[in-house]
Amino acid sequence: MSLKLLHEPENEDPILSVVNLIDIFLVVIAALLITVAQNPLINPFAKQDVTVITDAGKPTMEVLVKKGEKIEKYKASGEIGTGDGEKAGVAYRMKDGSMIYIPEGSETVTGAMSD
């Protein structure tokens, strides 16, 4: 009688454990597909351009730009507001939201910027 307790029950089929493993893999695959579909940066079917900024305003800031299938990565140098250049003109935002750029050294139009 005690020998019967040591043996596995005869009605357990070893194929049931394989079926359970397949079910687990299907759930994992579905979770991964949902994650990829929700992430615009790695979604291969997304038609829109995406820009992702990490650590904004910090010396470790990075910018990822996805245009079509091309992904570019830019890292901040840690130096804010530095560089060589010269003033090229002035830009004004109008009341209607439009922007006007006036190049440096050009003749100004009288009355264009009056209130």
PDB file of N, CA and C in Angstrom:
ATOM      1  N   MET A   1       0.806  -1.176   0.000  1.00  0.00           N
ATOM      2  CA  MET A   1       0.000   0.000   0.000  1.00  0.00           C
ATOM      3  C   MET A   1       0.864   1.259   0.000  1.00  0.00           C
ATOM      4  N   SER A   2       1.921   1.289   0.720  1.00  0.00           N
ATOM      5  CA  SER A   2       2.786   2.464   0.761  1.00  0.00           C
ATOM      6  C   SER A   2       3.533   2.651  -0.557  1.00  0.00           C
ATOM      7  N   LEU A   3       3.716   1.600  -1.308  1.00  0.00           N
ATOM      8  CA  LEU A   3       4.380   1.696  -2.603  1.00  0.00           C
ATOM      9  C   LEU A   3       3.549   2.498  -3.595  1.00  0.00           C
ATOM     10  N   LYS A   4       2.267   2.415  -3.498  1.00  0.00           N
ATOM     11  CA  LYS A   4       1.395   3.137  -4.405  1.00  0.00           C
ATOM     12  C   LYS A   4       1.486   4.647  -4.191  1.00  0.00           C
ATOM     13  N   LEU A   5       1.760   5.133  -3.002  1.00  0.00           N
ATOM     14  CA  LEU A   5       1.863   6.552  -2.716  1.00  0.00           C
ATOM     15  C   LEU A   5       3.130   7.154  -3.330  1.00  0.00           C
ATOM     16  N   LEU A   6       4.156   6.347  -3.524  1.00  0.00           N
ATOM     17  CA  LEU A   6       5.397   6.856  -4.087  1.00  0.00           C
ATOM     18  C   LEU A   6       5.321   7.038  -5.596  1.00  0.00           C
ATOM     19  N   HIS A   7       4.441   6.340  -6.259  1.00  0.00           N
ATOM     20  CA  HIS A   7       4.318   6.443  -7.696  1.00  0.00           C
ATOM     21  C   HIS A   7       3.408   7.603  -8.076  1.00  0.00           C
ATOM     22  N   GLU A   8       3.638   8.136  -9.290  1.00  0.00           N
ATOM     23  CA  GLU A   8       2.776   9.196  -9.809  1.00  0.00           C
ATOM     24  C   GLU A   8       1.416   8.600 -10.150  1.00  0.00           C
ATOM     25  N   PRO A   9       0.403   9.396 -10.093  1.00  0.00           N
ATOM     26  CA  PRO A   9      -0.916   8.887 -10.514  1.00  0.00           C
ATOM     27  C   PRO A   9      -0.883   8.525 -11.995  1.00  0.00           C
ATOM     28  N   GLU A  10      -1.614   7.512 -12.342  1.00  0.00           N
ATOM     29  CA  GLU A  10      -1.587   7.011 -13.709  1.00  0.00           C
ATOM     30  C   GLU A  10      -2.328   7.920 -14.691  1.00  0.00           C
ATOM     31  N   ASN A  11      -3.174   8.798 -14.208  1.00  0.00           N
ATOM     32  CA  ASN A  11      -3.972   9.613 -15.116  1.00  0.00           C
ATOM     33  C   ASN A  11      -3.258  10.890 -15.560  1.00  0.00           C
ATOM     34  N   GLU A  12      -2.067  11.205 -15.053  1.00  0.00           N
ATOM     35  CA  GLU A  12      -1.315  12.378 -15.498  1.00  0.00           C
ATOM     36  C   GLU A  12      -0.617  12.073 -16.809  1.00  0.00           C
ATOM     37  N   ASP A  13      -0.820  12.966 -17.776  1.00  0.00           N
ATOM     38  CA  ASP A  13      -0.223  12.799 -19.090  1.00  0.00           C
ATOM     39  C   ASP A  13       0.970  13.751 -19.202  1.00  0.00           C
ATOM     40  N   PRO A  14       2.146  13.288 -19.624  1.00  0.00           N
ATOM     41  CA  PRO A  14       3.312  14.177 -19.710  1.00  0.00           C
ATOM     42  C   PRO A  14       3.156  15.280 -20.762  1.00  0.00           C
ATOM     43  N   ILE A  15       2.279  15.103 -21.718  1.00  0.00           N
ATOM     44  CA  ILE A  15       2.084  16.117 -22.750  1.00  0.00           C
ATOM     45  C   ILE A  15       1.396  17.362 -22.185  1.00  0.00           C
ATOM     46  N   LEU A  16       0.689  17.244 -21.046  1.00  0.00           N
ATOM     47  CA  LEU A  16       0.027  18.390 -20.432  1.00  0.00           C
ATOM     48  C   LEU A  16       1.029  19.446 -19.992  1.00  0.00           C
ATOM     49  N   SER A  17       2.190  19.046 -19.515  1.00  0.00           N
ATOM     50  CA  SER A  17       3.200  20.016 -19.109  1.00  0.00           C
ATOM     51  C   SER A  17       3.748  20.774 -20.312  1.00  0.00           C
ATOM     52  N   VAL A  18       3.860  20.127 -21.468  1.00  0.00           N
ATOM     53  CA  VAL A  18       4.313  20.793 -22.684  1.00  0.00           C
ATOM     54  C   VAL A  18       3.266  21.812 -23.141  1.00  0.00           C
ATOM     55  N   VAL A  19       1.998  21.447 -23.050  1.00  0.00           N
ATOM     56  CA  VAL A  19       0.921  22.364 -23.423  1.00  0.00           C
ATOM     57  C   VAL A  19       0.936  23.584 -22.510  1.00  0.00           C
ATOM     58  N   ASN A  20       1.196  23.397 -21.240  1.00  0.00           N
ATOM     59  CA  ASN A  20       1.269  24.523 -20.306  1.00  0.00           C
ATOM     60  C   ASN A  20       2.441  25.442 -20.650  1.00  0.00           C
ATOM     61  N   LEU A  21       3.578  24.891 -21.046  1.00  0.00           N
ATOM     62  CA  LEU A  21       4.729  25.705 -21.444  1.00  0.00           C
ATOM     63  C   LEU A  21       4.407  26.534 -22.696  1.00  0.00           C
ATOM     64  N   ILE A  22       3.703  25.926 -23.645  1.00  0.00           N
ATOM     65  CA  ILE A  22       3.320  26.645 -24.860  1.00  0.00           C
ATOM     66  C   ILE A  22       2.391  27.808 -24.514  1.00  0.00           C
ATOM     67  N   ASP A  23       1.467  27.607 -23.588  1.00  0.00           N
ATOM     68  CA  ASP A  23       0.575  28.681 -23.160  1.00  0.00           C
ATOM     69  C   ASP A  23       1.358  29.833 -22.534  1.00  0.00           C
ATOM     70  N   ILE A  24       2.358  29.521 -21.738  1.00  0.00           N
ATOM     71  CA  ILE A  24       3.182  30.560 -21.102  1.00  0.00           C
ATOM     72  C   ILE A  24       3.941  31.349 -22.165  1.00  0.00           C
ATOM     73  N   PHE A  25       4.518  30.655 -23.162  1.00  0.00           N
ATOM     74  CA  PHE A  25       5.248  31.338 -24.219  1.00  0.00           C
ATOM     75  C   PHE A  25       4.326  32.237 -25.048  1.00  0.00           C
ATOM     76  N   LEU A  26       3.108  31.812 -25.293  1.00  0.00           N
ATOM     77  CA  LEU A  26       2.163  32.638 -26.037  1.00  0.00           C
ATOM     78  C   LEU A  26       1.823  33.919 -25.280  1.00  0.00           C
ATOM     79  N   VAL A  27       1.683  33.835 -23.975  1.00  0.00           N
ATOM     80  CA  VAL A  27       1.399  35.022 -23.164  1.00  0.00           C
ATOM     81  C   VAL A  27       2.592  35.983 -23.201  1.00  0.00           C
ATOM     82  N   VAL A  28       3.807  35.458 -23.103  1.00  0.00           N
ATOM     83  CA  VAL A  28       5.013  36.293 -23.141  1.00  0.00           C
ATOM     84  C   VAL A  28       5.143  36.969 -24.502  1.00  0.00           C
ATOM     85  N   ILE A  29       4.915  36.238 -25.575  1.00  0.00           N
ATOM     86  CA  ILE A  29       5.004  36.808 -26.920  1.00  0.00           C
ATOM     87  C   ILE A  29       3.950  37.900 -27.116  1.00  0.00           C
ATOM     88  N   ALA A  30       2.746  37.682 -26.637  1.00  0.00           N
ATOM     89  CA  ALA A  30       1.693  38.696 -26.752  1.00  0.00           C
ATOM     90  C   ALA A  30       2.074  39.958 -25.982  1.00  0.00           C
ATOM     91  N   ALA A  31       2.658  39.813 -24.796  1.00  0.00           N
ATOM     92  CA  ALA A  31       3.083  40.972 -24.009  1.00  0.00           C
ATOM     93  C   ALA A  31       4.183  41.746 -24.732  1.00  0.00           C
ATOM     94  N   LEU A  32       5.123  41.049 -25.355  1.00  0.00           N
ATOM     95  CA  LEU A  32       6.189  41.718 -26.100  1.00  0.00           C
ATOM     96  C   LEU A  32       5.654  42.458 -27.320  1.00  0.00           C
ATOM     97  N   LEU A  33       4.706  41.863 -28.025  1.00  0.00           N
ATOM     98  CA  LEU A  33       4.115  42.516 -29.191  1.00  0.00           C
ATOM     99  C   LEU A  33       3.353  43.783 -28.795  1.00  0.00           C
ATOM    100  N   ILE A  34       2.653  43.741 -27.680  1.00  0.00           N
ATOM    101  CA  ILE A  34       1.932  44.917 -27.202  1.00  0.00           C
ATOM    102  C   ILE A  34       2.918  46.020 -26.826  1.00  0.00           C
ATOM    103  N   THR A  35       4.028  45.650 -26.187  1.00  0.00           N
ATOM    104  CA  THR A  35       5.046  46.630 -25.812  1.00  0.00           C
ATOM    105  C   THR A  35       5.656  47.291 -27.038  1.00  0.00           C
ATOM    106  N   VAL A  36       5.969  46.523 -28.055  1.00  0.00           N
ATOM    107  CA  VAL A  36       6.549  47.079 -29.278  1.00  0.00           C
ATOM    108  C   VAL A  36       5.549  47.980 -29.988  1.00  0.00           C
ATOM    109  N   ALA A  37       4.300  47.597 -30.006  1.00  0.00           N
ATOM    110  CA  ALA A  37       3.284  48.397 -30.692  1.00  0.00           C
ATOM    111  C   ALA A  37       3.051  49.732 -29.994  1.00  0.00           C
ATOM    112  N   GLN A  38       3.222  49.783 -28.675  1.00  0.00           N
ATOM    113  CA  GLN A  38       2.977  51.015 -27.937  1.00  0.00           C
ATOM    114  C   GLN A  38       4.186  51.941 -27.910  1.00  0.00           C
ATOM    115  N   ASN A  39       5.381  51.451 -28.214  1.00  0.00           N
ATOM    116  CA  ASN A  39       6.583  52.265 -28.190  1.00  0.00           C
ATOM    117  C   ASN A  39       6.817  52.852 -29.579  1.00  0.00           C
ATOM    118  N   PRO A  40       6.695  54.178 -29.737  1.00  0.00           N
ATOM    119  CA  PRO A  40       6.822  54.758 -31.078  1.00  0.00           C
ATOM    120  C   PRO A  40       8.241  54.717 -31.636  1.00  0.00           C
ATOM    121  N   LEU A  41       9.232  54.574 -30.768  1.00  0.00           N
ATOM    122  CA  LEU A  41      10.612  54.597 -31.239  1.00  0.00           C
ATOM    123  C   LEU A  41      11.022  53.282 -31.884  1.00  0.00           C
ATOM    124  N   ILE A  42      10.517  52.163 -31.385  1.00  0.00           N
ATOM    125  CA  ILE A  42      10.924  50.863 -31.933  1.00  0.00           C
ATOM    126  C   ILE A  42       9.836  50.204 -32.766  1.00  0.00           C
ATOM    127  N   ASN A  43       8.695  50.870 -32.929  1.00  0.00           N
ATOM    128  CA  ASN A  43       7.609  50.300 -33.715  1.00  0.00           C
ATOM    129  C   ASN A  43       7.969  50.368 -35.201  1.00  0.00           C
ATOM    130  N   PRO A  44       8.151  49.236 -35.868  1.00  0.00           N
ATOM    131  CA  PRO A  44       8.542  49.267 -37.277  1.00  0.00           C
ATOM    132  C   PRO A  44       7.419  49.715 -38.206  1.00  0.00           C
ATOM    133  N   PHE A  45       6.185  49.761 -37.722  1.00  0.00           N
ATOM    134  CA  PHE A  45       5.050  50.118 -38.565  1.00  0.00           C
ATOM    135  C   PHE A  45       4.642  51.577 -38.422  1.00  0.00           C
ATOM    136  N   ALA A  46       5.312  52.334 -37.560  1.00  0.00           N
ATOM    137  CA  ALA A  46       4.961  53.737 -37.350  1.00  0.00           C
ATOM    138  C   ALA A  46       5.428  54.567 -38.535  1.00  0.00           C
ATOM    139  N   LYS A  47       4.534  55.373 -39.078  1.00  0.00           N
ATOM    140  CA  LYS A  47       4.846  56.212 -40.231  1.00  0.00           C
ATOM    141  C   LYS A  47       5.312  57.604 -39.817  1.00  0.00           C
ATOM    142  N   GLN A  48       5.114  57.971 -38.559  1.00  0.00           N
ATOM    143  CA  GLN A  48       5.421  59.323 -38.125  1.00  0.00           C
ATOM    144  C   GLN A  48       6.865  59.441 -37.636  1.00  0.00           C
ATOM    145  N   ASP A  49       7.400  60.658 -37.733  1.00  0.00           N
ATOM    146  CA  ASP A  49       8.720  60.939 -37.193  1.00  0.00           C
ATOM    147  C   ASP A  49       8.591  61.149 -35.688  1.00  0.00           C
ATOM    148  N   VAL A  50       9.598  60.683 -34.923  1.00  0.00           N
ATOM    149  CA  VAL A  50       9.537  60.738 -33.467  1.00  0.00           C
ATOM    150  C   VAL A  50      10.827  61.350 -32.936  1.00  0.00           C
ATOM    151  N   THR A  51      10.705  62.224 -31.933  1.00  0.00           N
ATOM    152  CA  THR A  51      11.862  62.787 -31.235  1.00  0.00           C
ATOM    153  C   THR A  51      11.696  62.508 -29.753  1.00  0.00           C
ATOM    154  N   VAL A  52      12.718  61.889 -29.141  1.00  0.00           N
ATOM    155  CA  VAL A  52      12.690  61.562 -27.717  1.00  0.00           C
ATOM    156  C   VAL A  52      13.856  62.281 -27.053  1.00  0.00           C
ATOM    157  N   ILE A  53      13.570  63.046 -25.986  1.00  0.00           N
ATOM    158  CA  ILE A  53      14.606  63.753 -25.239  1.00  0.00           C
ATOM    159  C   ILE A  53      14.678  63.141 -23.845  1.00  0.00           C
ATOM    160  N   THR A  54      15.881  62.711 -23.450  1.00  0.00           N
ATOM    161  CA  THR A  54      16.073  62.155 -22.114  1.00  0.00           C
ATOM    162  C   THR A  54      16.953  63.099 -21.309  1.00  0.00           C
ATOM    163  N   ASP A  55      16.689  63.236 -20.026  1.00  0.00           N
ATOM    164  CA  ASP A  55      17.425  64.112 -19.106  1.00  0.00           C
ATOM    165  C   ASP A  55      17.485  65.544 -19.635  1.00  0.00           C
ATOM    166  N   ALA A  56      16.338  66.112 -19.968  1.00  0.00           N
ATOM    167  CA  ALA A  56      16.281  67.447 -20.576  1.00  0.00           C
ATOM    168  C   ALA A  56      16.901  68.492 -19.661  1.00  0.00           C
ATOM    169  N   GLY A  57      17.784  69.319 -20.218  1.00  0.00           N
ATOM    170  CA  GLY A  57      18.414  70.408 -19.482  1.00  0.00           C
ATOM    171  C   GLY A  57      19.582  70.006 -18.614  1.00  0.00           C
ATOM    172  N   LYS A  58      19.936  68.743 -18.599  1.00  0.00           N
ATOM    173  CA  LYS A  58      21.062  68.270 -17.782  1.00  0.00           C
ATOM    174  C   LYS A  58      22.266  68.008 -18.678  1.00  0.00           C
ATOM    175  N   PRO A  59      23.450  67.940 -18.106  1.00  0.00           N
ATOM    176  CA  PRO A  59      24.644  67.659 -18.931  1.00  0.00           C
ATOM    177  C   PRO A  59      24.613  66.294 -19.605  1.00  0.00           C
ATOM    178  N   THR A  60      23.780  65.382 -19.120  1.00  0.00           N
ATOM    179  CA  THR A  60      23.696  64.035 -19.711  1.00  0.00           C
ATOM    180  C   THR A  60      22.550  63.918 -20.709  1.00  0.00           C
ATOM    181  N   MET A  61      22.029  65.044 -21.170  1.00  0.00           N
ATOM    182  CA  MET A  61      20.875  65.041 -22.068  1.00  0.00           C
ATOM    183  C   MET A  61      21.204  64.342 -23.383  1.00  0.00           C
ATOM    184  N   GLU A  62      20.242  63.542 -23.867  1.00  0.00           N
ATOM    185  CA  GLU A  62      20.363  62.873 -25.159  1.00  0.00           C
ATOM    186  C   GLU A  62      19.087  63.105 -25.953  1.00  0.00           C
ATOM    187  N   VAL A  63      19.237  63.226 -27.263  1.00  0.00           N
ATOM    188  CA  VAL A  63      18.095  63.405 -28.153  1.00  0.00           C
ATOM    189  C   VAL A  63      18.125  62.287 -29.180  1.00  0.00           C
ATOM    190  N   LEU A  64      17.042  61.515 -29.271  1.00  0.00           N
ATOM    191  CA  LEU A  64      16.896  60.469 -30.270  1.00  0.00           C
ATOM    192  C   LEU A  64      15.875  60.942 -31.293  1.00  0.00           C
ATOM    193  N   VAL A  65      16.253  60.922 -32.568  1.00  0.00           N
ATOM    194  CA  VAL A  65      15.369  61.378 -33.639  1.00  0.00           C
ATOM    195  C   VAL A  65      15.176  60.227 -34.607  1.00  0.00           C
ATOM    196  N   LYS A  66      13.909  59.829 -34.817  1.00  0.00           N
ATOM    197  CA  LYS A  66      13.583  58.763 -35.762  1.00  0.00           C
ATOM    198  C   LYS A  66      12.864  59.387 -36.948  1.00  0.00           C
ATOM    199  N   LYS A  67      13.496  59.314 -38.110  1.00  0.00           N
ATOM    200  CA  LYS A  67      12.886  59.790 -39.355  1.00  0.00           C
ATOM    201  C   LYS A  67      12.784  58.596 -40.282  1.00  0.00           C
ATOM    202  N   GLY A  68      11.574  58.090 -40.453  1.00  0.00           N
ATOM    203  CA  GLY A  68      11.383  56.883 -41.258  1.00  0.00           C
ATOM    204  C   GLY A  68      12.019  55.694 -40.558  1.00  0.00           C
ATOM    205  N   GLU A  69      12.978  55.066 -41.208  1.00  0.00           N
ATOM    206  CA  GLU A  69      13.678  53.928 -40.605  1.00  0.00           C
ATOM    207  C   GLU A  69      15.015  54.334 -40.001  1.00  0.00           C
ATOM    208  N   LYS A  70      15.405  55.584 -40.161  1.00  0.00           N
ATOM    209  CA  LYS A  70      16.707  56.061 -39.688  1.00  0.00           C
ATOM    210  C   LYS A  70      16.566  56.656 -38.289  1.00  0.00           C
ATOM    211  N   ILE A  71      17.426  56.223 -37.361  1.00  0.00           N
ATOM    212  CA  ILE A  71      17.434  56.730 -35.995  1.00  0.00           C
ATOM    213  C   ILE A  71      18.782  57.395 -35.747  1.00  0.00           C
ATOM    214  N   GLU A  72      18.748  58.666 -35.341  1.00  0.00           N
ATOM    215  CA  GLU A  72      19.960  59.414 -35.029  1.00  0.00           C
ATOM    216  C   GLU A  72      19.974  59.722 -33.543  1.00  0.00           C
ATOM    217  N   LYS A  73      21.176  59.697 -32.951  1.00  0.00           N
ATOM    218  CA  LYS A  73      21.328  59.946 -31.519  1.00  0.00           C
ATOM    219  C   LYS A  73      22.298  61.105 -31.328  1.00  0.00           C
ATOM    220  N   TYR A  74      21.874  62.093 -30.569  1.00  0.00           N
ATOM    221  CA  TYR A  74      22.707  63.246 -30.276  1.00  0.00           C
ATOM    222  C   TYR A  74      22.922  63.317 -28.775  1.00  0.00           C
ATOM    223  N   LYS A  75      24.163  63.573 -28.356  1.00  0.00           N
ATOM    224  CA  LYS A  75      24.483  63.717 -26.935  1.00  0.00           C
ATOM    225  C   LYS A  75      24.899  65.155 -26.666  1.00  0.00           C
ATOM    226  N   ALA A  76      24.507  65.661 -25.504  1.00  0.00           N
ATOM    227  CA  ALA A  76      24.880  67.014 -25.106  1.00  0.00           C
ATOM    228  C   ALA A  76      26.353  67.035 -24.718  1.00  0.00           C
ATOM    229  N   SER A  77      27.000  68.147 -25.024  1.00  0.00           N
ATOM    230  CA  SER A  77      28.414  68.283 -24.670  1.00  0.00           C
ATOM    231  C   SER A  77      28.578  68.755 -23.233  1.00  0.00           C
ATOM    232  N   GLY A  78      27.502  69.181 -22.591  1.00  0.00           N
ATOM    233  CA  GLY A  78      27.579  69.677 -21.225  1.00  0.00           C
ATOM    234  C   GLY A  78      27.827  71.172 -21.171  1.00  0.00           C
ATOM    235  N   GLU A  79      28.145  71.791 -22.286  1.00  0.00           N
ATOM    236  CA  GLU A  79      28.381  73.230 -22.343  1.00  0.00           C
ATOM    237  C   GLU A  79      27.143  73.886 -22.931  1.00  0.00           C
ATOM    238  N   ILE A  80      26.453  74.651 -22.108  1.00  0.00           N
ATOM    239  CA  ILE A  80      25.220  75.282 -22.548  1.00  0.00           C
ATOM    240  C   ILE A  80      25.512  76.718 -22.956  1.00  0.00           C
ATOM    241  N   GLY A  81      25.034  77.115 -24.112  1.00  0.00           N
ATOM    242  CA  GLY A  81      25.163  78.487 -24.557  1.00  0.00           C
ATOM    243  C   GLY A  81      26.537  78.856 -25.063  1.00  0.00           C
ATOM    244  N   THR A  82      27.327  77.907 -25.493  1.00  0.00           N
ATOM    245  CA  THR A  82      28.641  78.229 -26.017  1.00  0.00           C
ATOM    246  C   THR A  82      28.690  77.924 -27.494  1.00  0.00           C
ATOM    247  N   GLY A  83      29.633  78.511 -28.170  1.00  0.00           N
ATOM    248  CA  GLY A  83      29.809  78.246 -29.585  1.00  0.00           C
ATOM    249  C   GLY A  83      30.254  79.495 -30.314  1.00  0.00           C
ATOM    250  N   ASP A  84      30.715  79.309 -31.522  1.00  0.00           N
ATOM    251  CA  ASP A  84      31.154  80.418 -32.351  1.00  0.00           C
ATOM    252  C   ASP A  84      30.038  80.778 -33.318  1.00  0.00           C
ATOM    253  N   GLY A  85      29.870  82.052 -33.534  1.00  0.00           N
ATOM    254  CA  GLY A  85      28.847  82.488 -34.464  1.00  0.00           C
ATOM    255  C   GLY A  85      28.631  83.978 -34.343  1.00  0.00           C
ATOM    256  N   GLU A  86      27.733  84.472 -35.139  1.00  0.00           N
ATOM    257  CA  GLU A  86      27.417  85.893 -35.112  1.00  0.00           C
ATOM    258  C   GLU A  86      25.913  86.055 -35.270  1.00  0.00           C
ATOM    259  N   LYS A  87      25.429  87.196 -34.872  1.00  0.00           N
ATOM    260  CA  LYS A  87      24.007  87.478 -34.961  1.00  0.00           C
ATOM    261  C   LYS A  87      23.610  87.587 -36.428  1.00  0.00           C
ATOM    262  N   ALA A  88      22.590  86.843 -36.812  1.00  0.00           N
ATOM    263  CA  ALA A  88      22.185  86.816 -38.216  1.00  0.00           C
ATOM    264  C   ALA A  88      20.941  87.642 -38.460  1.00  0.00           C
ATOM    265  N   GLY A  89      20.247  88.029 -37.427  1.00  0.00           N
ATOM    266  CA  GLY A  89      19.027  88.801 -37.599  1.00  0.00           C
ATOM    267  C   GLY A  89      18.173  88.718 -36.358  1.00  0.00           C
ATOM    268  N   VAL A  90      16.933  89.132 -36.510  1.00  0.00           N
ATOM    269  CA  VAL A  90      16.002  89.158 -35.388  1.00  0.00           C
ATOM    270  C   VAL A  90      14.704  88.498 -35.824  1.00  0.00           C
ATOM    271  N   ALA A  91      14.111  87.710 -34.941  1.00  0.00           N
ATOM    272  CA  ALA A  91      12.816  87.084 -35.212  1.00  0.00           C
ATOM    273  C   ALA A  91      11.777  87.663 -34.264  1.00  0.00           C
ATOM    274  N   TYR A  92      10.587  87.931 -34.793  1.00  0.00           N
ATOM    275  CA  TYR A  92       9.484  88.467 -34.001  1.00  0.00           C
ATOM    276  C   TYR A  92       8.279  87.540 -34.137  1.00  0.00           C
ATOM    277  N   ARG A  93       7.577  87.342 -33.006  1.00  0.00           N
ATOM    278  CA  ARG A  93       6.319  86.580 -33.033  1.00  0.00           C
ATOM    279  C   ARG A  93       5.172  87.583 -33.059  1.00  0.00           C
ATOM    280  N   MET A  94       4.311  87.465 -34.063  1.00  0.00           N
ATOM    281  CA  MET A  94       3.196  88.375 -34.222  1.00  0.00           C
ATOM    282  C   MET A  94       2.039  87.942 -33.321  1.00  0.00           C
ATOM    283  N   LYS A  95       1.023  88.798 -33.193  1.00  0.00           N
ATOM    284  CA  LYS A  95      -0.127  88.505 -32.336  1.00  0.00           C
ATOM    285  C   LYS A  95      -0.894  87.283 -32.820  1.00  0.00           C
ATOM    286  N   ASP A  96      -0.902  87.050 -34.132  1.00  0.00           N
ATOM    287  CA  ASP A  96      -1.619  85.896 -34.669  1.00  0.00           C
ATOM    288  C   ASP A  96      -0.807  84.603 -34.570  1.00  0.00           C
ATOM    289  N   GLY A  97       0.409  84.662 -33.992  1.00  0.00           N
ATOM    290  CA  GLY A  97       1.221  83.462 -33.808  1.00  0.00           C
ATOM    291  C   GLY A  97       2.256  83.240 -34.895  1.00  0.00           C
ATOM    292  N   SER A  98       2.199  84.010 -35.970  1.00  0.00           N
ATOM    293  CA  SER A  98       3.172  83.834 -37.047  1.00  0.00           C
ATOM    294  C   SER A  98       4.510  84.438 -36.639  1.00  0.00           C
ATOM    295  N   MET A  99       5.565  83.981 -37.289  1.00  0.00           N
ATOM    296  CA  MET A  99       6.915  84.462 -36.998  1.00  0.00           C
ATOM    297  C   MET A  99       7.437  85.241 -38.198  1.00  0.00           C
ATOM    298  N   ILE A 100       8.133  86.335 -37.918  1.00  0.00           N
ATOM    299  CA  ILE A 100       8.770  87.134 -38.961  1.00  0.00           C
ATOM    300  C   ILE A 100      10.250  87.206 -38.633  1.00  0.00           C
ATOM    301  N   TYR A 101      11.086  86.897 -39.628  1.00  0.00           N
ATOM    302  CA  TYR A 101      12.538  86.965 -39.469  1.00  0.00           C
ATOM    303  C   TYR A 101      13.064  88.123 -40.297  1.00  0.00           C
ATOM    304  N   ILE A 102      13.839  88.998 -39.667  1.00  0.00           N
ATOM    305  CA  ILE A 102      14.447  90.120 -40.364  1.00  0.00           C
ATOM    306  C   ILE A 102      15.955  89.913 -40.319  1.00  0.00           C
ATOM    307  N   PRO A 103      16.577  89.659 -41.478  1.00  0.00           N
ATOM    308  CA  PRO A 103      18.021  89.437 -41.505  1.00  0.00           C
ATOM    309  C   PRO A 103      18.790  90.678 -41.068  1.00  0.00           C
ATOM    310  N   GLU A 104      19.960  90.472 -40.504  1.00  0.00           N
ATOM    311  CA  GLU A 104      20.817  91.558 -40.039  1.00  0.00           C
ATOM    312  C   GLU A 104      21.268  92.396 -41.233  1.00  0.00           C
ATOM    313  N   GLY A 105      21.163  93.726 -41.103  1.00  0.00           N
ATOM    314  CA  GLY A 105      21.637  94.612 -42.147  1.00  0.00           C
ATOM    315  C   GLY A 105      20.623  94.887 -43.231  1.00  0.00           C
ATOM    316  N   SER A 106      19.431  94.299 -43.160  1.00  0.00           N
ATOM    317  CA  SER A 106      18.420  94.565 -44.198  1.00  0.00           C
ATOM    318  C   SER A 106      17.666  95.828 -43.844  1.00  0.00           C
ATOM    319  N   GLU A 107      17.037  96.413 -44.831  1.00  0.00           N
ATOM    320  CA  GLU A 107      16.245  97.608 -44.597  1.00  0.00           C
ATOM    321  C   GLU A 107      14.953  97.216 -43.895  1.00  0.00           C
ATOM    322  N   THR A 108      14.605  97.899 -42.841  1.00  0.00           N
ATOM    323  CA  THR A 108      13.383  97.575 -42.119  1.00  0.00           C
ATOM    324  C   THR A 108      12.194  98.212 -42.819  1.00  0.00           C
ATOM    325  N   VAL A 109      11.100  97.517 -42.812  1.00  0.00           N
ATOM    326  CA  VAL A 109       9.874  98.018 -43.413  1.00  0.00           C
ATOM    327  C   VAL A 109       9.172  98.849 -42.363  1.00  0.00           C
ATOM    328  N   THR A 110       8.869 100.087 -42.691  1.00  0.00           N
ATOM    329  CA  THR A 110       8.241 100.969 -41.709  1.00  0.00           C
ATOM    330  C   THR A 110       6.815 100.522 -41.450  1.00  0.00           C
ATOM    331  N   GLY A 111       6.458 100.499 -40.187  1.00  0.00           N
ATOM    332  CA  GLY A 111       5.109 100.140 -39.797  1.00  0.00           C
ATOM    333  C   GLY A 111       4.876  98.638 -39.686  1.00  0.00           C
ATOM    334  N   ALA A 112       5.858  97.812 -40.010  1.00  0.00           N
ATOM    335  CA  ALA A 112       5.662  96.374 -39.973  1.00  0.00           C
ATOM    336  C   ALA A 112       5.558  95.861 -38.559  1.00  0.00           C
ATOM    337  N   MET A 113       6.238  96.504 -37.610  1.00  0.00           N
ATOM    338  CA  MET A 113       6.257  96.012 -36.249  1.00  0.00           C
ATOM    339  C   MET A 113       5.507  96.921 -35.301  1.00  0.00           C
ATOM    340  N   SER A 114       4.762  97.899 -35.784  1.00  0.00           N
ATOM    341  CA  SER A 114       4.054  98.809 -34.890  1.00  0.00           C
ATOM    342  C   SER A 114       2.803  98.141 -34.335  1.00  0.00           C
ATOM    343  N   ASP A 115       2.416  98.580 -33.134  1.00  0.00           N
ATOM    344  CA  ASP A 115       1.220  98.008 -32.489  1.00  0.00           C
ATOM    345  C   ASP A 115      -0.024  98.716 -32.932  1.00  0.00           C
TER     346      ASP A 115
END
